[in-house]
N, C-alpha and C. Protein backbone atom coordinates (compact mmCIF):
# COMPACT_ATOMS: atom_id res chain seq x y z
N UNK A 1 82.99 107.20 101.90
CA UNK A 1 84.37 107.04 102.35
C UNK A 1 85.16 108.29 102.05
N UNK A 2 85.72 108.86 103.08
CA UNK A 2 86.47 110.10 102.87
C UNK A 2 87.91 109.77 102.52
N UNK A 3 88.48 110.63 101.71
CA UNK A 3 89.89 110.44 101.34
C UNK A 3 90.68 111.60 101.88
N UNK A 4 91.84 111.32 102.41
CA UNK A 4 92.70 112.36 102.92
C UNK A 4 93.44 112.99 101.77
N UNK A 5 93.55 114.30 101.77
CA UNK A 5 94.26 114.99 100.71
C UNK A 5 95.76 114.79 100.84
N UNK A 6 96.20 114.47 102.03
CA UNK A 6 97.63 114.36 102.29
C UNK A 6 98.05 112.92 102.51
N UNK A 7 99.12 112.54 101.85
CA UNK A 7 99.71 111.22 102.04
C UNK A 7 101.02 111.41 102.80
N UNK A 8 101.21 110.57 103.80
CA UNK A 8 102.44 110.66 104.60
C UNK A 8 103.30 109.42 104.37
N UNK A 9 104.60 109.63 104.48
CA UNK A 9 105.55 108.53 104.40
C UNK A 9 105.78 108.05 105.83
N UNK A 10 105.36 106.81 106.11
CA UNK A 10 105.38 106.27 107.48
C UNK A 10 106.31 105.06 107.55
N UNK A 11 107.18 105.04 108.54
CA UNK A 11 108.05 103.89 108.80
C UNK A 11 107.51 103.10 109.97
N UNK A 12 107.38 101.80 109.78
CA UNK A 12 106.94 100.88 110.84
C UNK A 12 108.14 100.00 111.20
N UNK A 13 108.57 100.08 112.47
CA UNK A 13 109.71 99.30 112.95
C UNK A 13 109.21 98.28 113.94
N UNK A 14 109.33 97.00 113.62
CA UNK A 14 108.87 95.94 114.53
C UNK A 14 109.54 94.65 114.11
N UNK A 15 110.00 93.86 115.08
CA UNK A 15 110.63 92.59 114.75
C UNK A 15 109.61 91.51 114.41
N UNK A 16 108.33 91.78 114.62
CA UNK A 16 107.26 90.82 114.27
C UNK A 16 106.78 91.08 112.85
N UNK A 17 106.96 90.11 111.99
CA UNK A 17 106.47 90.22 110.61
C UNK A 17 104.98 90.47 110.58
N UNK A 18 104.23 89.83 111.48
CA UNK A 18 102.77 89.97 111.53
C UNK A 18 102.38 91.42 111.82
N UNK A 19 103.02 92.03 112.81
CA UNK A 19 102.73 93.43 113.16
C UNK A 19 103.10 94.36 112.00
N UNK A 20 104.28 94.13 111.42
CA UNK A 20 104.71 94.99 110.29
C UNK A 20 103.69 94.92 109.15
N UNK A 21 103.27 93.70 108.80
CA UNK A 21 102.35 93.53 107.68
C UNK A 21 100.96 94.11 107.99
N UNK A 22 100.49 93.90 109.21
CA UNK A 22 99.19 94.47 109.60
C UNK A 22 99.23 95.99 109.50
N UNK A 23 100.28 96.59 110.06
CA UNK A 23 100.41 98.05 110.02
C UNK A 23 100.50 98.54 108.55
N UNK A 24 101.25 97.80 107.75
CA UNK A 24 101.39 98.16 106.34
C UNK A 24 100.04 98.17 105.64
N UNK A 25 99.24 97.13 105.84
CA UNK A 25 97.93 97.05 105.23
C UNK A 25 97.03 98.21 105.68
N UNK A 26 97.00 98.42 107.00
CA UNK A 26 96.14 99.50 107.56
C UNK A 26 96.55 100.86 106.99
N UNK A 27 97.86 101.12 106.97
CA UNK A 27 98.34 102.43 106.53
C UNK A 27 98.12 102.62 105.04
N UNK A 28 98.35 101.57 104.26
CA UNK A 28 98.11 101.69 102.81
C UNK A 28 96.62 101.90 102.51
N UNK A 29 95.76 101.25 103.30
CA UNK A 29 94.33 101.48 103.15
C UNK A 29 93.99 102.93 103.47
N UNK A 30 94.76 103.55 104.32
CA UNK A 30 94.57 104.95 104.65
C UNK A 30 95.21 105.89 103.65
N UNK A 31 95.85 105.32 102.63
CA UNK A 31 96.43 106.12 101.55
C UNK A 31 97.85 106.60 101.78
N UNK A 32 98.56 105.96 102.71
CA UNK A 32 99.89 106.43 103.06
C UNK A 32 100.96 105.54 102.42
N UNK A 33 102.14 106.12 102.24
CA UNK A 33 103.30 105.39 101.76
C UNK A 33 103.96 104.73 102.97
N UNK A 34 104.30 103.44 102.85
CA UNK A 34 104.78 102.69 104.02
C UNK A 34 106.17 102.13 103.77
N UNK A 35 107.04 102.31 104.76
CA UNK A 35 108.37 101.70 104.78
C UNK A 35 108.39 100.76 105.97
N UNK A 36 109.07 99.63 105.86
CA UNK A 36 109.13 98.65 106.94
C UNK A 36 110.58 98.39 107.35
N UNK A 37 110.78 98.22 108.66
CA UNK A 37 112.10 97.87 109.18
C UNK A 37 111.89 96.82 110.27
N UNK A 38 112.82 95.86 110.35
CA UNK A 38 112.64 94.78 111.30
C UNK A 38 113.42 94.93 112.60
N UNK A 39 114.29 95.94 112.68
CA UNK A 39 114.98 96.23 113.94
C UNK A 39 115.48 97.65 113.91
N UNK A 40 116.08 98.08 115.01
CA UNK A 40 116.52 99.45 115.14
C UNK A 40 117.59 99.85 114.13
N UNK A 41 118.54 98.97 113.85
CA UNK A 41 119.59 99.29 112.89
C UNK A 41 119.00 99.45 111.49
N UNK A 42 118.09 98.55 111.12
CA UNK A 42 117.41 98.63 109.83
C UNK A 42 116.64 99.95 109.76
N UNK A 43 116.00 100.32 110.86
CA UNK A 43 115.22 101.55 110.90
C UNK A 43 116.10 102.78 110.67
N UNK A 44 117.25 102.83 111.34
CA UNK A 44 118.14 103.99 111.20
C UNK A 44 118.61 104.15 109.76
N UNK A 45 118.87 103.03 109.11
CA UNK A 45 119.27 103.06 107.71
C UNK A 45 118.15 103.60 106.81
N UNK A 46 116.93 103.11 107.07
CA UNK A 46 115.77 103.56 106.26
C UNK A 46 115.43 105.02 106.52
N UNK A 47 115.59 105.45 107.75
CA UNK A 47 115.33 106.87 108.07
C UNK A 47 116.29 107.75 107.30
N UNK A 48 117.56 107.37 107.31
CA UNK A 48 118.57 108.14 106.58
C UNK A 48 118.31 108.15 105.08
N UNK A 49 117.93 107.00 104.51
CA UNK A 49 117.73 106.88 103.07
C UNK A 49 116.41 107.48 102.57
N UNK A 50 115.34 107.34 103.38
CA UNK A 50 114.00 107.68 102.88
C UNK A 50 113.32 108.84 103.61
N UNK A 51 113.85 109.27 104.74
CA UNK A 51 113.32 110.37 105.52
C UNK A 51 111.80 110.34 105.70
N UNK A 52 111.32 109.36 106.45
CA UNK A 52 109.86 109.27 106.70
C UNK A 52 109.37 110.47 107.50
N UNK A 53 108.06 110.71 107.43
CA UNK A 53 107.47 111.83 108.15
C UNK A 53 106.93 111.43 109.52
N UNK A 54 106.79 110.11 109.74
CA UNK A 54 106.28 109.59 111.00
C UNK A 54 106.85 108.19 111.20
N UNK A 55 107.19 107.85 112.43
CA UNK A 55 107.75 106.52 112.73
C UNK A 55 106.94 105.85 113.84
N UNK A 56 106.55 104.61 113.57
CA UNK A 56 105.98 103.73 114.61
C UNK A 56 107.07 102.76 114.97
N UNK A 57 107.44 102.70 116.25
CA UNK A 57 108.59 101.89 116.66
C UNK A 57 108.25 100.97 117.83
N UNK A 58 108.44 99.66 117.60
CA UNK A 58 108.27 98.69 118.67
C UNK A 58 109.32 98.93 119.74
N UNK A 59 109.01 98.54 120.96
CA UNK A 59 109.97 98.72 122.05
C UNK A 59 110.86 97.50 122.18
N UNK A 60 110.27 96.31 122.28
CA UNK A 60 111.07 95.10 122.52
C UNK A 60 111.55 94.49 121.20
N UNK A 61 112.80 94.80 120.84
CA UNK A 61 113.41 94.26 119.63
C UNK A 61 114.83 93.81 119.95
N UNK A 62 115.34 92.84 119.20
CA UNK A 62 116.72 92.42 119.41
C UNK A 62 117.71 93.49 118.90
N UNK A 63 118.92 93.40 119.33
CA UNK A 63 120.04 94.28 118.93
C UNK A 63 119.87 95.69 119.50
N UNK A 64 118.91 96.46 118.97
CA UNK A 64 118.71 97.85 119.35
C UNK A 64 117.24 97.99 119.68
N UNK A 65 116.90 98.21 120.94
CA UNK A 65 115.46 98.26 121.28
C UNK A 65 114.85 99.61 120.87
N UNK A 66 113.56 99.72 121.04
CA UNK A 66 112.84 100.91 120.60
C UNK A 66 113.25 102.17 121.32
N UNK A 67 113.53 102.03 122.61
CA UNK A 67 113.98 103.21 123.37
C UNK A 67 115.30 103.73 122.84
N UNK A 68 116.24 102.81 122.60
CA UNK A 68 117.55 103.19 122.07
C UNK A 68 117.40 103.79 120.66
N UNK A 69 116.58 103.16 119.84
CA UNK A 69 116.36 103.64 118.48
C UNK A 69 115.79 105.06 118.49
N UNK A 70 114.77 105.28 119.31
CA UNK A 70 114.14 106.59 119.41
C UNK A 70 115.15 107.64 119.89
N UNK A 71 115.94 107.30 120.90
CA UNK A 71 116.93 108.22 121.44
C UNK A 71 117.94 108.64 120.36
N UNK A 72 118.38 107.68 119.56
CA UNK A 72 119.33 107.96 118.48
C UNK A 72 118.72 108.88 117.44
N UNK A 73 117.47 108.62 117.09
CA UNK A 73 116.76 109.45 116.11
C UNK A 73 116.68 110.89 116.64
N UNK A 74 116.27 111.03 117.88
CA UNK A 74 116.05 112.34 118.47
C UNK A 74 117.34 113.12 118.70
N UNK A 75 118.48 112.42 118.82
CA UNK A 75 119.78 113.10 119.01
C UNK A 75 120.32 113.65 117.70
N UNK A 76 119.80 113.18 116.57
CA UNK A 76 120.29 113.64 115.27
C UNK A 76 119.46 114.85 114.84
N UNK A 77 120.06 116.04 114.74
CA UNK A 77 119.30 117.23 114.40
C UNK A 77 118.53 117.11 113.06
N UNK A 78 119.05 116.31 112.14
CA UNK A 78 118.39 116.13 110.85
C UNK A 78 117.07 115.38 110.99
N UNK A 79 116.93 114.53 111.99
CA UNK A 79 115.74 113.69 112.15
C UNK A 79 114.96 113.94 113.42
N UNK A 80 115.44 114.83 114.27
CA UNK A 80 114.83 115.04 115.59
C UNK A 80 113.37 115.45 115.53
N UNK A 81 112.98 116.12 114.45
CA UNK A 81 111.60 116.62 114.36
C UNK A 81 110.61 115.55 113.90
N UNK A 82 111.08 114.38 113.47
CA UNK A 82 110.17 113.31 113.03
C UNK A 82 109.46 112.74 114.25
N UNK A 83 108.12 112.78 114.28
CA UNK A 83 107.38 112.20 115.41
C UNK A 83 107.61 110.66 115.47
N UNK A 84 107.83 110.18 116.68
CA UNK A 84 107.99 108.74 116.93
C UNK A 84 106.88 108.29 117.86
N UNK A 85 106.14 107.27 117.44
CA UNK A 85 105.08 106.68 118.26
C UNK A 85 105.57 105.29 118.65
N UNK A 86 105.71 105.04 119.95
CA UNK A 86 106.17 103.75 120.44
C UNK A 86 105.04 102.72 120.33
N UNK A 87 105.40 101.50 120.01
CA UNK A 87 104.45 100.37 119.93
C UNK A 87 104.89 99.34 120.97
N UNK A 88 103.96 98.85 121.79
CA UNK A 88 104.34 97.83 122.75
C UNK A 88 103.13 97.08 123.24
N UNK A 89 103.35 95.85 123.61
CA UNK A 89 102.28 95.06 124.26
C UNK A 89 102.21 95.43 125.74
N UNK A 90 103.21 96.14 126.25
CA UNK A 90 103.21 96.60 127.65
C UNK A 90 102.61 97.98 127.71
N UNK A 91 101.66 98.20 128.63
CA UNK A 91 101.03 99.52 128.68
C UNK A 91 101.15 100.17 130.05
N UNK A 92 102.22 99.85 130.77
CA UNK A 92 102.43 100.39 132.08
C UNK A 92 102.84 101.87 132.05
N UNK A 93 102.60 102.56 133.14
CA UNK A 93 102.96 103.98 133.26
C UNK A 93 104.46 104.16 133.07
N UNK A 94 105.25 103.26 133.63
CA UNK A 94 106.71 103.35 133.51
C UNK A 94 107.14 103.27 132.04
N UNK A 95 106.54 102.33 131.28
CA UNK A 95 106.91 102.15 129.88
C UNK A 95 106.61 103.42 129.08
N UNK A 96 105.43 104.00 129.33
CA UNK A 96 105.03 105.22 128.63
C UNK A 96 105.93 106.38 129.00
N UNK A 97 106.26 106.50 130.28
CA UNK A 97 107.14 107.57 130.75
C UNK A 97 108.54 107.44 130.14
N UNK A 98 109.04 106.21 130.08
CA UNK A 98 110.37 105.99 129.51
C UNK A 98 110.37 106.37 128.04
N UNK A 99 109.28 106.07 127.35
CA UNK A 99 109.16 106.46 125.93
C UNK A 99 109.23 107.96 125.78
N UNK A 100 108.54 108.70 126.64
CA UNK A 100 108.58 110.17 126.58
C UNK A 100 109.98 110.68 126.88
N UNK A 101 110.66 110.02 127.81
CA UNK A 101 112.01 110.46 128.19
C UNK A 101 113.00 110.39 127.04
N UNK A 102 112.81 109.43 126.13
CA UNK A 102 113.71 109.31 124.97
C UNK A 102 113.20 110.07 123.77
N UNK A 103 112.06 110.75 123.92
CA UNK A 103 111.60 111.64 122.86
C UNK A 103 110.39 111.21 122.05
N UNK A 104 109.74 110.11 122.42
CA UNK A 104 108.57 109.70 121.64
C UNK A 104 107.40 110.64 121.90
N UNK A 105 106.54 110.81 120.90
CA UNK A 105 105.41 111.70 121.02
C UNK A 105 104.16 111.00 121.53
N UNK A 106 104.07 109.68 121.32
CA UNK A 106 102.86 108.97 121.72
C UNK A 106 103.21 107.50 121.93
N UNK A 107 102.20 106.72 122.31
CA UNK A 107 102.40 105.32 122.67
C UNK A 107 101.15 104.56 122.26
N UNK A 108 101.29 103.55 121.44
CA UNK A 108 100.16 102.70 121.07
C UNK A 108 100.39 101.29 121.63
N UNK A 109 99.38 100.74 122.24
CA UNK A 109 99.48 99.40 122.79
C UNK A 109 99.08 98.39 121.73
N UNK A 110 99.89 97.32 121.60
CA UNK A 110 99.56 96.24 120.66
C UNK A 110 98.65 95.25 121.37
N UNK A 111 97.74 94.61 120.67
CA UNK A 111 97.46 94.83 119.24
C UNK A 111 96.66 96.12 119.04
N UNK A 112 97.06 96.87 118.03
CA UNK A 112 96.37 98.13 117.71
C UNK A 112 95.34 97.86 116.61
N UNK A 113 94.40 98.77 116.50
CA UNK A 113 93.38 98.66 115.44
C UNK A 113 93.75 99.58 114.30
N UNK A 114 93.13 99.37 113.17
CA UNK A 114 93.32 100.23 112.02
C UNK A 114 93.00 101.68 112.39
N UNK A 115 91.90 101.88 113.11
CA UNK A 115 91.47 103.22 113.50
C UNK A 115 92.50 103.90 114.39
N UNK A 116 93.08 103.16 115.35
CA UNK A 116 94.09 103.73 116.24
C UNK A 116 95.32 104.18 115.45
N UNK A 117 95.74 103.34 114.51
CA UNK A 117 96.92 103.64 113.72
C UNK A 117 96.69 104.84 112.83
N UNK A 118 95.55 104.87 112.14
CA UNK A 118 95.26 105.99 111.24
C UNK A 118 95.00 107.27 112.01
N UNK A 119 94.41 107.14 113.20
CA UNK A 119 94.20 108.34 114.02
C UNK A 119 95.53 108.96 114.41
N UNK A 120 96.51 108.12 114.75
CA UNK A 120 97.85 108.63 115.13
C UNK A 120 98.50 109.34 113.94
N UNK A 121 98.34 108.78 112.74
CA UNK A 121 98.88 109.41 111.55
C UNK A 121 98.22 110.76 111.30
N UNK A 122 96.91 110.80 111.43
CA UNK A 122 96.18 112.07 111.25
C UNK A 122 96.61 113.11 112.27
N UNK A 123 96.71 112.66 113.51
CA UNK A 123 97.08 113.56 114.61
C UNK A 123 98.45 114.20 114.36
N UNK A 124 99.44 113.37 114.04
CA UNK A 124 100.77 113.89 113.84
C UNK A 124 100.94 114.49 112.45
N UNK A 125 100.17 114.02 111.50
CA UNK A 125 100.16 114.62 110.17
C UNK A 125 99.72 116.06 110.19
N UNK A 126 98.70 116.35 111.00
CA UNK A 126 98.18 117.73 111.14
C UNK A 126 99.28 118.61 111.72
N UNK A 127 100.00 118.09 112.69
CA UNK A 127 101.09 118.85 113.29
C UNK A 127 102.22 119.08 112.29
N UNK A 128 102.51 118.04 111.48
CA UNK A 128 103.55 118.17 110.47
C UNK A 128 103.19 119.21 109.41
N UNK A 129 101.92 119.23 109.02
CA UNK A 129 101.51 120.20 108.00
C UNK A 129 101.70 121.61 108.49
N UNK A 130 101.55 121.80 109.79
CA UNK A 130 101.74 123.13 110.37
C UNK A 130 103.19 123.57 110.34
N UNK A 131 104.13 122.62 110.24
CA UNK A 131 105.55 122.95 110.28
C UNK A 131 106.16 123.01 108.89
N UNK A 132 105.42 122.62 107.89
CA UNK A 132 105.99 122.57 106.52
C UNK A 132 105.90 123.93 105.88
């Protein structure tokens, strides 16, 4: 079993407790620090307070959806460089394109696997290490 030398602070934003907990377990097994938020407003507060290095954000949420949340993050110069990966049960071309339009770096379709989640962290973690 290989261990990653780098631990990342990852925020998971999803209104589904099951998805949040699954992601938390997978990410902690990968050795990462995990923050959880249940909607866009909760996410914005946690981003400001804890400054995660990567964000996984559900699209369909009450109050503030994932597209709106991502757009707000990307408009703030302090947080614009944080990679955002959209999470959704919808995998249409339009959904993925809309995610890119608001600034997301990638798109994972739910249900995701542990490997998919950890691969995304490694992919964007490598990019982050290059900018630090």
